[in-house]
Every structure is written in structure tokens, then in C-alpha cells.
Amino acid sequence: MDFLIVQIGRIGDMILTTPLFSGLKQSFPDSHITVLTSPGNDIIAKHNKNVDNTIIFNKTISGYVKLFLQFRKHKFDYWIDTKPEFSNTSTTLLKFARYGKSIGYNTKGKYFDTDLSKIKNGKHYTEINTLPLKILSPEFKMPDLRPEIDIPDEKWKQINAILSEYPKEFVIFNLSVKDATRNWNLQDVLSIYNQFKTRIPFVFQYVEKDRPFFEEIKSKTGDNLMYFDGGILELAGIVSKAKLVITPDTSLIHIASAFNVPVVGIYHNVDWNLRRFAPLSDRKVVLVSDEKNKIRIDADKICESINSLL
């Protein structure tokens, strides 16, 4: 069986699609799984032990042409697209792909041979993503919907070198978010840090655009703060060794879930988003903002949640 799975969303979307890869391989051990990825999320699928091949799609004219030429050379048994919302890109790709049957959500017309929306019964994104298994292997029961992140040996050498600079126990505090409405308030970060700095070390995680924010925190505390600002696989390895992760609603929630690391997750007051992207770690606290378009939660409440998981 030759499967093509479309996942050209964000890196968190790809992480939450990994249970589908696992389920397909368990159901069809001799199958060949190809994942259509984006430049930003390919690294997760590329290193997943259940994925045989990835094709990176650049959403440009040349990207469409290159993909078209690749698709002309190969016909898949199944084209699987688990995105539950309508996508012009997905339907366009479907038109010039070669496949036996297609599976997806027909939200605006009949594009897919099998319509997943007729049997949709789950709210979390992992449930949405694994729904094709109910069509392809009705008797199969997923043992676990927790996502998987596979880290190659050569990355572990780098990760262990980084970990050697950290204390044995530490908390990951994520400063970086893509959406500005999820940004931390400086005073809240300082308040949380000051309450725990003598109890357990914090490792601040951020991407380059947020370096000035980290430097401001560092300046205000006057401490030599630990931090991580590297790649996603290195981050995953470090998270796997953390005692706790504190983060707004970002892909770090799902990285923590992959390794069953306790998490304090901070979310907008948007019910569908919370249900779809809630943490799957066994031990977690979900804090919901009183506002829909801004994350504002009392720092003392966050500290109480941290205490409950340490």
C-alpha cells in the first residue's frame, strides 16, 4: 500500500499528525508512507521512523511546477488530507496528483472520494488526523494518541552537550510565540521567575526575534539566566529531560506531550482552539485567559499551577 499524506501546515500540525503515521504502519506494516510537507515542518516528518519519504512543497509558482513534475512520475494508492477546513491549496494539489483513492474532508463540495466529515467524532487534532484509520483499518484501535518526535543519534550528541551545561532538574519557560496576542507580560515573567529561582532553575526558550525580550528579563533580574535558542529537534531533546514546561499555546505544548512531560499551558479563551490543541501529557494544567484576543492570566495563578506540578 502506497500512501501520500498531505500536511503543509505549521510544525505543531505536523507533530499532531504523527499518530496517523504510526497507525498506518501498525495497520499496514509493508506500506510505503510519503508525506507532503512544508519547508517549516518537514524536519519532523523526515526523521519520523514510520515515514519513508517526504516531499517539500513551496507555495510558489515554481513550487507548484516542481511538485507537478514529481507527481507525474508516481501514482499513490491513497491520497490522504486530514485538514478539516477547506483549503484552496489542498484542492488544487488534488487536481493534478495521481492516486487510486482520496480521503479528506468535503467541506465545500465533493473533492475527496471518501468524506471524513461524515464520520468525524473527535475534537482533538490527533483524533481528527487519525480518522482515516477508521476507513482504512476499521478494526484497528490506536493504543495511544500521544504524538511522536524521533531524534537522530547525531542530534543527541549535540543535545547531551547542551544538557551538560544545565542542572539535573530544570523547567523550560517558553518566551516565544508566533502570534503577538500570546506574548508574555514582562512583569509577569519576572514575578514567576522570582518566586521559583531559589527552588528550581529555569531555562528560557526563545527564537531570535525574541532575544531582546530575553535580554530585558536578564537585565531586570541581574542574574546569569540559562537559555536555549537552537533548532526544533535539539529543543525536543531538551524538553524530554525537563521537569516541567511553561508555555503559551504553541508547538512546545505538543513537544511536551510527545515525551509526556508535565506542562502548564496558557490559552486564549477560544473553546474550539483549546479542544483541538490541548496538551496530551498525563500531568498538565490548562489556564484560559478571560479575554478572547489576548492572553492575560494572573501571575500568582500561574505560580500555583507550577507548584502543583513540581
C-alpha atoms as a PDB file:
ATOM      1  CA  MET A   1       0.000   0.000   0.000  1.00  0.00           C
ATOM      2  CA  ASP A   2       1.425   3.372  -1.034  1.00  0.00           C
ATOM      3  CA  PHE A   3       0.157   6.370   0.970  1.00  0.00           C
ATOM      4  CA  LEU A   4       0.617  10.098   0.375  1.00  0.00           C
ATOM      5  CA  ILE A   5      -0.293  12.205   3.419  1.00  0.00           C
ATOM      6  CA  VAL A   6      -0.710  15.953   2.991  1.00  0.00           C
ATOM      7  CA  GLN A   7       0.456  18.084   5.923  1.00  0.00           C
ATOM      8  CA  ILE A   8       1.653  21.502   4.790  1.00  0.00           C
ATOM      9  CA  GLY A   9       0.621  23.419   7.921  1.00  0.00           C
ATOM     10  CA  ARG A  10       2.689  24.604  10.860  1.00  0.00           C
ATOM     11  CA  ILE A  11       5.177  22.486  12.748  1.00  0.00           C
ATOM     12  CA  GLY A  12       2.672  21.853  15.549  1.00  0.00           C
ATOM     13  CA  ASP A  13       0.205  20.498  12.987  1.00  0.00           C
ATOM     14  CA  MET A  14       2.839  18.068  11.754  1.00  0.00           C
ATOM     15  CA  ILE A  15       3.664  16.901  15.278  1.00  0.00           C
ATOM     16  CA  LEU A  16      -0.028  16.178  15.859  1.00  0.00           C
ATOM     17  CA  THR A  17      -0.193  14.204  12.589  1.00  0.00           C
ATOM     18  CA  THR A  18       2.455  11.698  13.708  1.00  0.00           C
ATOM     19  CA  PRO A  19      -0.087   9.326  15.332  1.00  0.00           C
ATOM     20  CA  LEU A  20      -1.511   8.779  11.823  1.00  0.00           C
ATOM     21  CA  PHE A  21       1.924   7.707  10.548  1.00  0.00           C
ATOM     22  CA  SER A  22       2.239   5.254  13.434  1.00  0.00           C
ATOM     23  CA  GLY A  23      -1.280   3.910  12.990  1.00  0.00           C
ATOM     24  CA  LEU A  24      -0.799   3.303   9.276  1.00  0.00           C
ATOM     25  CA  LYS A  25       2.458   1.436   9.814  1.00  0.00           C
ATOM     26  CA  GLN A  26       0.912  -0.701  12.533  1.00  0.00           C
ATOM     27  CA  SER A  27      -2.083  -1.486  10.334  1.00  0.00           C
ATOM     28  CA  PHE A  28      -0.076  -1.934   7.117  1.00  0.00           C
ATOM     29  CA  PRO A  29       3.499  -2.920   8.093  1.00  0.00           C
ATOM     30  CA  ASP A  30       4.629  -3.236   4.465  1.00  0.00           C
ATOM     31  CA  SER A  31       3.183   0.095   3.381  1.00  0.00           C
ATOM     32  CA  HIS A  32       5.195   2.994   1.994  1.00  0.00           C
ATOM     33  CA  ILE A  33       4.367   6.388   3.532  1.00  0.00           C
ATOM     34  CA  THR A  34       5.219   9.654   1.800  1.00  0.00           C
ATOM     35  CA  VAL A  35       4.373  12.952   3.493  1.00  0.00           C
ATOM     36  CA  LEU A  36       3.854  16.178   1.588  1.00  0.00           C
ATOM     37  CA  THR A  37       5.375  18.790   3.890  1.00  0.00           C
ATOM     38  CA  SER A  38       6.143  22.498   4.107  1.00  0.00           C
ATOM     39  CA  PRO A  39       9.692  23.886   4.471  1.00  0.00           C
ATOM     40  CA  GLY A  40       8.906  24.697   8.109  1.00  0.00           C
ATOM     41  CA  ASN A  41       7.556  21.311   9.232  1.00  0.00           C
ATOM     42  CA  ASP A  42       9.485  18.835   7.075  1.00  0.00           C
ATOM     43  CA  ILE A  43      12.078  18.124   9.766  1.00  0.00           C
ATOM     44  CA  ILE A  44       9.506  16.324  11.947  1.00  0.00           C
ATOM     45  CA  ALA A  45       8.254  14.002   9.195  1.00  0.00           C
ATOM     46  CA  LYS A  46      11.712  13.489   7.691  1.00  0.00           C
ATOM     47  CA  HIS A  47      13.036  11.939  10.899  1.00  0.00           C
ATOM     48  CA  ASN A  48       9.878  10.040  11.852  1.00  0.00           C
ATOM     49  CA  LYS A  49      10.608   6.295  11.927  1.00  0.00           C
ATOM     50  CA  ASN A  50       7.289   5.472  10.234  1.00  0.00           C
ATOM     51  CA  VAL A  51       7.792   7.809   7.260  1.00  0.00           C
ATOM     52  CA  ASP A  52       9.634   6.512   4.194  1.00  0.00           C
ATOM     53  CA  ASN A  53       9.858   9.728   2.205  1.00  0.00           C
ATOM     54  CA  THR A  54       8.962  13.415   2.344  1.00  0.00           C
ATOM     55  CA  ILE A  55       8.262  15.885  -0.459  1.00  0.00           C
ATOM     56  CA  ILE A  56       8.686  19.547   0.433  1.00  0.00           C
ATOM     57  CA  PHE A  57       6.124  21.865  -1.147  1.00  0.00           C
ATOM     58  CA  ASN A  58       6.984  25.534  -1.589  1.00  0.00           C
ATOM     59  CA  LYS A  59       3.864  27.599  -2.152  1.00  0.00           C
ATOM     60  CA  THR A  60       5.255  29.456  -5.174  1.00  0.00           C
ATOM     61  CA  ILE A  61       4.720  29.108  -8.915  1.00  0.00           C
ATOM     62  CA  SER A  62       7.985  27.219  -9.248  1.00  0.00           C
ATOM     63  CA  GLY A  63       6.968  25.102  -6.238  1.00  0.00           C
ATOM     64  CA  TYR A  64       3.728  24.069  -7.950  1.00  0.00           C
ATOM     65  CA  VAL A  65       5.579  23.226 -11.176  1.00  0.00           C
ATOM     66  CA  LYS A  66       8.209  21.164  -9.377  1.00  0.00           C
ATOM     67  CA  LEU A  67       5.553  19.264  -7.446  1.00  0.00           C
ATOM     68  CA  PHE A  68       3.518  18.641 -10.601  1.00  0.00           C
ATOM     69  CA  LEU A  69       6.554  17.086 -12.282  1.00  0.00           C
ATOM     70  CA  GLN A  70       7.216  14.901  -9.253  1.00  0.00           C
ATOM     71  CA  PHE A  71       3.619  13.710  -9.132  1.00  0.00           C
ATOM     72  CA  ARG A  72       3.673  12.783 -12.823  1.00  0.00           C
ATOM     73  CA  LYS A  73       6.320  10.155 -12.053  1.00  0.00           C
ATOM     74  CA  HIS A  74       4.418   8.330  -9.332  1.00  0.00           C
ATOM     75  CA  LYS A  75       0.895   7.160  -8.595  1.00  0.00           C
ATOM     76  CA  PHE A  76      -0.153   6.644  -4.976  1.00  0.00           C
ATOM     77  CA  ASP A  77      -2.758   4.155  -3.810  1.00  0.00           C
ATOM     78  CA  TYR A  78      -4.199   6.671  -1.355  1.00  0.00           C
ATOM     79  CA  TRP A  79      -4.074  10.442  -1.095  1.00  0.00           C
ATOM     80  CA  ILE A  80      -4.886  11.460   2.497  1.00  0.00           C
ATOM     81  CA  ASP A  81      -5.529  15.049   3.574  1.00  0.00           C
ATOM     82  CA  THR A  82      -6.697  15.447   7.168  1.00  0.00           C
ATOM     83  CA  LYS A  83      -7.148  19.234   7.196  1.00  0.00           C
ATOM     84  CA  PRO A  84     -10.730  19.686   8.449  1.00  0.00           C
ATOM     85  CA  GLU A  85     -11.173  23.169   6.935  1.00  0.00           C
ATOM     86  CA  PHE A  86     -11.452  23.963   3.228  1.00  0.00           C
ATOM     87  CA  SER A  87      -8.144  24.812   1.562  1.00  0.00           C
ATOM     88  CA  ASN A  88      -7.683  26.164  -1.956  1.00  0.00           C
ATOM     89  CA  THR A  89      -4.130  24.859  -1.926  1.00  0.00           C
ATOM     90  CA  SER A  90      -5.182  21.333  -0.974  1.00  0.00           C
ATOM     91  CA  THR A  91      -7.884  21.131  -3.615  1.00  0.00           C
ATOM     92  CA  THR A  92      -5.520  22.495  -6.276  1.00  0.00           C
ATOM     93  CA  LEU A  93      -2.881  19.898  -5.440  1.00  0.00           C
ATOM     94  CA  LEU A  94      -5.515  17.189  -5.556  1.00  0.00           C
ATOM     95  CA  LYS A  95      -6.373  18.068  -9.171  1.00  0.00           C
ATOM     96  CA  PHE A  96      -3.002  17.240 -10.651  1.00  0.00           C
ATOM     97  CA  ALA A  97      -1.940  14.398  -8.341  1.00  0.00           C
ATOM     98  CA  ARG A  98      -2.062  10.743  -9.388  1.00  0.00           C
ATOM     99  CA  TYR A  99      -3.719   8.389  -6.925  1.00  0.00           C
ATOM    100  CA  GLY A 100      -6.154   5.499  -6.684  1.00  0.00           C
ATOM    101  CA  LYS A 101      -8.456   6.904  -3.997  1.00  0.00           C
ATOM    102  CA  SER A 102      -8.553  10.089  -1.935  1.00  0.00           C
ATOM    103  CA  ILE A 103      -9.603  10.622   1.674  1.00  0.00           C
ATOM    104  CA  GLY A 104     -10.365  14.012   3.200  1.00  0.00           C
ATOM    105  CA  TYR A 105     -12.965  16.481   4.461  1.00  0.00           C
ATOM    106  CA  ASN A 106     -15.500  17.606   1.852  1.00  0.00           C
ATOM    107  CA  THR A 107     -16.438  20.904   3.448  1.00  0.00           C
ATOM    108  CA  LYS A 108     -17.147  22.846   0.234  1.00  0.00           C
ATOM    109  CA  GLY A 109     -18.052  20.399  -2.487  1.00  0.00           C
ATOM    110  CA  LYS A 110     -17.091  16.815  -3.299  1.00  0.00           C
ATOM    111  CA  TYR A 111     -13.334  16.825  -3.745  1.00  0.00           C
ATOM    112  CA  PHE A 112     -12.410  13.589  -1.964  1.00  0.00           C
ATOM    113  CA  ASP A 113     -13.671  10.088  -2.755  1.00  0.00           C
ATOM    114  CA  THR A 114     -14.174   9.387   0.956  1.00  0.00           C
ATOM    115  CA  ASP A 115     -15.594  12.212   3.052  1.00  0.00           C
ATOM    116  CA  LEU A 116     -14.242  12.180   6.607  1.00  0.00           C
ATOM    117  CA  SER A 117     -16.695  14.841   7.749  1.00  0.00           C
ATOM    118  CA  LYS A 118     -19.466  12.213   7.702  1.00  0.00           C
ATOM    119  CA  ILE A 119     -17.748  10.144  10.393  1.00  0.00           C
ATOM    120  CA  LYS A 120     -15.977  12.867  12.358  1.00  0.00           C
ATOM    121  CA  ASN A 121     -16.389  12.198  16.074  1.00  0.00           C
ATOM    122  CA  GLY A 122     -13.346  13.688  17.789  1.00  0.00           C
ATOM    123  CA  LYS A 123     -12.362  17.182  18.850  1.00  0.00           C
ATOM    124  CA  HIS A 124      -8.608  16.989  19.403  1.00  0.00           C
ATOM    125  CA  TYR A 125      -6.367  17.398  16.357  1.00  0.00           C
ATOM    126  CA  THR A 126      -4.860  13.930  16.876  1.00  0.00           C
ATOM    127  CA  GLU A 127      -8.366  12.448  16.682  1.00  0.00           C
ATOM    128  CA  ILE A 128      -9.081  14.464  13.545  1.00  0.00           C
ATOM    129  CA  ASN A 129      -5.797  13.359  11.966  1.00  0.00           C
ATOM    130  CA  THR A 130      -6.216   9.647  12.705  1.00  0.00           C
ATOM    131  CA  LEU A 131      -9.784   9.420  11.414  1.00  0.00           C
ATOM    132  CA  PRO A 132      -8.647   7.897   8.063  1.00  0.00           C
ATOM    133  CA  LEU A 133      -7.718   4.760  10.024  1.00  0.00           C
ATOM    134  CA  LYS A 134     -11.419   4.147  10.652  1.00  0.00           C
ATOM    135  CA  ILE A 135     -11.838   3.895   6.868  1.00  0.00           C
ATOM    136  CA  LEU A 136      -8.665   2.013   6.024  1.00  0.00           C
ATOM    137  CA  SER A 137      -8.483  -0.309   9.034  1.00  0.00           C
ATOM    138  CA  PRO A 138     -11.830  -0.331  10.899  1.00  0.00           C
ATOM    139  CA  GLU A 139     -10.761  -2.973  13.420  1.00  0.00           C
ATOM    140  CA  PHE A 140      -7.545  -1.189  14.404  1.00  0.00           C
ATOM    141  CA  LYS A 141      -7.534   0.650  17.730  1.00  0.00           C
ATOM    142  CA  MET A 142      -4.899   3.307  18.326  1.00  0.00           C
ATOM    143  CA  PRO A 143      -3.107   2.394  21.574  1.00  0.00           C
ATOM    144  CA  ASP A 144      -2.100   6.000  22.209  1.00  0.00           C
ATOM    145  CA  LEU A 145      -2.883   9.324  20.544  1.00  0.00           C
ATOM    146  CA  ARG A 146       0.189  10.995  22.000  1.00  0.00           C
ATOM    147  CA  PRO A 147       2.399  12.403  19.206  1.00  0.00           C
ATOM    148  CA  GLU A 148       5.915  11.134  18.455  1.00  0.00           C
ATOM    149  CA  ILE A 149       9.131  13.017  17.744  1.00  0.00           C
ATOM    150  CA  ASP A 150      12.095  10.919  16.673  1.00  0.00           C
ATOM    151  CA  ILE A 151      15.533  12.397  17.258  1.00  0.00           C
ATOM    152  CA  PRO A 152      18.516  11.020  15.289  1.00  0.00           C
ATOM    153  CA  ASP A 153      21.636   9.877  17.119  1.00  0.00           C
ATOM    154  CA  GLU A 154      23.793  12.681  15.748  1.00  0.00           C
ATOM    155  CA  LYS A 155      21.410  15.233  17.246  1.00  0.00           C
ATOM    156  CA  TRP A 156      21.609  13.561  20.626  1.00  0.00           C
ATOM    157  CA  LYS A 157      25.343  14.259  20.709  1.00  0.00           C
ATOM    158  CA  GLN A 158      24.568  17.982  20.425  1.00  0.00           C
ATOM    159  CA  ILE A 159      21.688  17.746  22.886  1.00  0.00           C
ATOM    160  CA  ASN A 160      23.759  15.978  25.524  1.00  0.00           C
ATOM    161  CA  ALA A 161      26.464  18.621  25.160  1.00  0.00           C
ATOM    162  CA  ILE A 162      23.861  21.317  25.860  1.00  0.00           C
ATOM    163  CA  LEU A 163      22.339  19.363  28.751  1.00  0.00           C
ATOM    164  CA  SER A 164      25.763  19.034  30.358  1.00  0.00           C
ATOM    165  CA  GLU A 165      25.652  22.810  30.934  1.00  0.00           C
ATOM    166  CA  TYR A 166      22.258  22.621  32.678  1.00  0.00           C
ATOM    167  CA  PRO A 167      21.486  21.358  36.188  1.00  0.00           C
ATOM    168  CA  LYS A 168      19.993  17.883  36.591  1.00  0.00           C
ATOM    169  CA  GLU A 169      16.486  19.296  37.123  1.00  0.00           C
ATOM    170  CA  PHE A 170      15.170  22.343  35.313  1.00  0.00           C
ATOM    171  CA  VAL A 171      12.000  23.979  33.995  1.00  0.00           C
ATOM    172  CA  ILE A 172      11.576  25.175  30.403  1.00  0.00           C
ATOM    173  CA  PHE A 173       9.975  28.642  30.246  1.00  0.00           C
ATOM    174  CA  ASN A 174       8.969  29.477  26.681  1.00  0.00           C
ATOM    175  CA  LEU A 175       9.109  33.164  25.735  1.00  0.00           C
ATOM    176  CA  SER A 176       8.440  32.855  22.016  1.00  0.00           C
ATOM    177  CA  VAL A 177       5.097  32.802  20.235  1.00  0.00           C
ATOM    178  CA  LYS A 178       4.182  33.432  16.607  1.00  0.00           C
ATOM    179  CA  ASP A 179       1.037  35.399  17.409  1.00  0.00           C
ATOM    180  CA  ALA A 180       1.636  38.664  19.300  1.00  0.00           C
ATOM    181  CA  THR A 181      -1.660  38.249  21.176  1.00  0.00           C
ATOM    182  CA  ARG A 182       0.028  35.434  23.143  1.00  0.00           C
ATOM    183  CA  ASN A 183       3.024  37.496  24.242  1.00  0.00           C
ATOM    184  CA  TRP A 184       4.115  37.445  27.868  1.00  0.00           C
ATOM    185  CA  ASN A 185       3.880  40.497  30.074  1.00  0.00           C
ATOM    186  CA  LEU A 186       7.378  41.375  31.324  1.00  0.00           C
ATOM    187  CA  GLN A 187       6.309  41.900  34.926  1.00  0.00           C
ATOM    188  CA  ASP A 188       4.528  38.554  34.989  1.00  0.00           C
ATOM    189  CA  VAL A 189       7.660  36.762  33.761  1.00  0.00           C
ATOM    190  CA  LEU A 190       9.771  38.486  36.412  1.00  0.00           C
ATOM    191  CA  SER A 191       7.249  37.673  39.127  1.00  0.00           C
ATOM    192  CA  ILE A 192       7.108  33.981  38.163  1.00  0.00           C
ATOM    193  CA  TYR A 193      10.883  33.706  37.899  1.00  0.00           C
ATOM    194  CA  ASN A 194      11.480  35.398  41.252  1.00  0.00           C
ATOM    195  CA  GLN A 195       9.086  33.052  43.018  1.00  0.00           C
ATOM    196  CA  PHE A 196      10.951  29.955  41.826  1.00  0.00           C
ATOM    197  CA  LYS A 197      14.571  30.958  41.256  1.00  0.00           C
ATOM    198  CA  THR A 198      15.744  29.591  44.604  1.00  0.00           C
ATOM    199  CA  ARG A 199      13.717  26.415  44.221  1.00  0.00           C
ATOM    200  CA  ILE A 200      14.348  25.148  40.676  1.00  0.00           C
ATOM    201  CA  PRO A 201      16.351  26.596  37.749  1.00  0.00           C
ATOM    202  CA  PHE A 202      14.553  27.991  34.708  1.00  0.00           C
ATOM    203  CA  VAL A 203      15.853  27.547  31.159  1.00  0.00           C
ATOM    204  CA  PHE A 204      14.336  30.261  28.985  1.00  0.00           C
ATOM    205  CA  GLN A 205      13.486  29.172  25.441  1.00  0.00           C
ATOM    206  CA  TYR A 206      13.195  31.737  22.655  1.00  0.00           C
ATOM    207  CA  VAL A 207      13.740  32.289  18.934  1.00  0.00           C
ATOM    208  CA  GLU A 208      15.970  35.032  17.559  1.00  0.00           C
ATOM    209  CA  LYS A 209      13.253  37.686  17.221  1.00  0.00           C
ATOM    210  CA  ASP A 210      12.654  37.469  20.977  1.00  0.00           C
ATOM    211  CA  ARG A 211      16.279  37.794  22.044  1.00  0.00           C
ATOM    212  CA  PRO A 212      15.754  41.469  23.069  1.00  0.00           C
ATOM    213  CA  PHE A 213      12.908  40.373  25.362  1.00  0.00           C
ATOM    214  CA  PHE A 214      15.140  37.767  26.974  1.00  0.00           C
ATOM    215  CA  GLU A 215      17.928  40.313  27.384  1.00  0.00           C
ATOM    216  CA  GLU A 216      15.486  42.673  29.078  1.00  0.00           C
ATOM    217  CA  ILE A 217      14.451  39.931  31.508  1.00  0.00           C
ATOM    218  CA  LYS A 218      18.095  39.153  32.158  1.00  0.00           C
ATOM    219  CA  SER A 219      18.863  42.814  32.795  1.00  0.00           C
ATOM    220  CA  LYS A 220      15.942  43.228  35.188  1.00  0.00           C
ATOM    221  CA  THR A 221      16.842  40.153  37.229  1.00  0.00           C
ATOM    222  CA  GLY A 222      20.573  40.817  37.261  1.00  0.00           C
ATOM    223  CA  ASP A 223      21.084  37.036  37.062  1.00  0.00           C
ATOM    224  CA  ASN A 224      23.064  34.970  34.568  1.00  0.00           C
ATOM    225  CA  LEU A 225      19.997  33.233  33.138  1.00  0.00           C
ATOM    226  CA  MET A 226      20.143  29.925  31.308  1.00  0.00           C
ATOM    227  CA  TYR A 227      18.556  29.791  27.869  1.00  0.00           C
ATOM    228  CA  PHE A 228      18.078  27.766  24.693  1.00  0.00           C
ATOM    229  CA  ASP A 229      17.725  29.290  21.222  1.00  0.00           C
ATOM    230  CA  GLY A 230      18.535  26.395  18.889  1.00  0.00           C
ATOM    231  CA  GLY A 231      16.734  24.060  16.487  1.00  0.00           C
ATOM    232  CA  ILE A 232      13.484  22.175  16.932  1.00  0.00           C
ATOM    233  CA  LEU A 233      14.969  18.678  17.311  1.00  0.00           C
ATOM    234  CA  GLU A 234      17.511  19.900  19.851  1.00  0.00           C
ATOM    235  CA  LEU A 235      14.672  21.627  21.694  1.00  0.00           C
ATOM    236  CA  ALA A 236      12.660  18.397  21.674  1.00  0.00           C
ATOM    237  CA  GLY A 237      15.555  16.520  23.246  1.00  0.00           C
ATOM    238  CA  ILE A 238      15.972  19.144  25.952  1.00  0.00           C
ATOM    239  CA  VAL A 239      12.236  19.199  26.659  1.00  0.00           C
ATOM    240  CA  SER A 240      12.305  15.403  27.048  1.00  0.00           C
ATOM    241  CA  LYS A 241      14.644  15.864  30.031  1.00  0.00           C
ATOM    242  CA  ALA A 242      12.798  18.796  31.622  1.00  0.00           C
ATOM    243  CA  LYS A 243      10.817  18.537  34.835  1.00  0.00           C
ATOM    244  CA  LEU A 244       8.154  20.922  33.558  1.00  0.00           C
ATOM    245  CA  VAL A 245       7.324  23.126  30.556  1.00  0.00           C
ATOM    246  CA  ILE A 246       5.619  26.513  30.893  1.00  0.00           C
ATOM    247  CA  THR A 247       4.349  27.888  27.608  1.00  0.00           C
ATOM    248  CA  PRO A 248       1.558  29.720  25.840  1.00  0.00           C
ATOM    249  CA  ASP A 249      -0.361  27.785  23.176  1.00  0.00           C
ATOM    250  CA  THR A 250       2.474  26.910  20.751  1.00  0.00           C
ATOM    251  CA  SER A 251       4.070  23.786  19.274  1.00  0.00           C
ATOM    252  CA  LEU A 252       6.009  23.412  22.544  1.00  0.00           C
ATOM    253  CA  ILE A 253       2.768  22.126  24.095  1.00  0.00           C
ATOM    254  CA  HIS A 254       2.846  19.230  21.616  1.00  0.00           C
ATOM    255  CA  ILE A 255       6.576  18.615  22.024  1.00  0.00           C
ATOM    256  CA  ALA A 256       5.980  18.224  25.766  1.00  0.00           C
ATOM    257  CA  SER A 257       3.064  15.883  25.037  1.00  0.00           C
ATOM    258  CA  ALA A 258       5.284  13.708  22.822  1.00  0.00           C
ATOM    259  CA  PHE A 259       7.547  12.990  25.798  1.00  0.00           C
ATOM    260  CA  ASN A 260       4.773  13.063  28.418  1.00  0.00           C
ATOM    261  CA  VAL A 261       6.459  15.976  30.198  1.00  0.00           C
ATOM    262  CA  PRO A 262       4.223  17.927  32.613  1.00  0.00           C
ATOM    263  CA  VAL A 263       3.068  21.228  31.152  1.00  0.00           C
ATOM    264  CA  VAL A 264       1.428  24.469  32.205  1.00  0.00           C
ATOM    265  CA  GLY A 265      -0.342  25.595  29.034  1.00  0.00           C
ATOM    266  CA  ILE A 266      -1.751  29.088  28.643  1.00  0.00           C
ATOM    267  CA  TYR A 267      -4.546  29.612  26.116  1.00  0.00           C
ATOM    268  CA  HIS A 268      -6.865  32.201  24.610  1.00  0.00           C
ATOM    269  CA  ASN A 269     -10.482  31.978  25.651  1.00  0.00           C
ATOM    270  CA  VAL A 270     -11.443  30.233  22.393  1.00  0.00           C
ATOM    271  CA  ASP A 271     -13.186  26.942  23.059  1.00  0.00           C
ATOM    272  CA  TRP A 272     -12.598  25.191  19.710  1.00  0.00           C
ATOM    273  CA  ASN A 273      -8.888  26.023  19.763  1.00  0.00           C
ATOM    274  CA  LEU A 274      -8.491  24.690  23.297  1.00  0.00           C
ATOM    275  CA  ARG A 275     -10.290  21.446  22.465  1.00  0.00           C
ATOM    276  CA  ARG A 276      -8.265  20.935  19.286  1.00  0.00           C
ATOM    277  CA  PHE A 277      -4.815  21.789  20.641  1.00  0.00           C
ATOM    278  CA  ALA A 278      -4.979  20.869  24.333  1.00  0.00           C
ATOM    279  CA  PRO A 279      -1.889  19.201  25.865  1.00  0.00           C
ATOM    280  CA  LEU A 280      -1.855  15.395  25.966  1.00  0.00           C
ATOM    281  CA  SER A 281       0.681  14.952  28.770  1.00  0.00           C
ATOM    282  CA  ASP A 282      -0.683  12.939  31.678  1.00  0.00           C
ATOM    283  CA  ARG A 283       0.060  15.785  34.086  1.00  0.00           C
ATOM    284  CA  LYS A 284      -0.937  19.229  32.917  1.00  0.00           C
ATOM    285  CA  VAL A 285      -2.660  22.422  33.925  1.00  0.00           C
ATOM    286  CA  VAL A 286      -4.522  24.449  31.316  1.00  0.00           C
ATOM    287  CA  LEU A 287      -5.049  28.118  32.115  1.00  0.00           C
ATOM    288  CA  VAL A 288      -7.530  30.058  29.993  1.00  0.00           C
ATOM    289  CA  SER A 289      -7.441  33.817  29.566  1.00  0.00           C
ATOM    290  CA  ASP A 290     -10.502  35.878  30.398  1.00  0.00           C
ATOM    291  CA  GLU A 291     -10.072  37.608  27.024  1.00  0.00           C
ATOM    292  CA  LYS A 292     -10.529  36.078  23.575  1.00  0.00           C
ATOM    293  CA  ASN A 293      -7.909  38.121  21.753  1.00  0.00           C
ATOM    294  CA  LYS A 294      -5.261  38.486  24.440  1.00  0.00           C
ATOM    295  CA  ILE A 295      -3.653  36.181  26.964  1.00  0.00           C
ATOM    296  CA  ARG A 296      -3.831  37.724  30.404  1.00  0.00           C
ATOM    297  CA  ILE A 297      -3.665  35.431  33.417  1.00  0.00           C
ATOM    298  CA  ASP A 298      -2.697  36.465  36.931  1.00  0.00           C
ATOM    299  CA  ALA A 299       0.939  35.534  37.651  1.00  0.00           C
ATOM    300  CA  ASP A 300       0.009  34.125  41.077  1.00  0.00           C
ATOM    301  CA  LYS A 301      -2.376  31.706  39.393  1.00  0.00           C
ATOM    302  CA  ILE A 302       0.404  30.568  37.073  1.00  0.00           C
ATOM    303  CA  CYS A 303       2.698  30.089  40.075  1.00  0.00           C
ATOM    304  CA  GLU A 304       0.058  27.972  41.814  1.00  0.00           C
ATOM    305  CA  SER A 305      -0.158  25.771  38.712  1.00  0.00           C
ATOM    306  CA  ILE A 306       3.621  25.387  38.556  1.00  0.00           C
ATOM    307  CA  ASN A 307       3.669  24.404  42.228  1.00  0.00           C
ATOM    308  CA  SER A 308       1.020  21.764  41.649  1.00  0.00           C
ATOM    309  CA  LEU A 309       3.191  20.004  39.047  1.00  0.00           C
ATOM    310  CA  LEU A 310       6.621  20.243  40.661  1.00  0.00           C
END
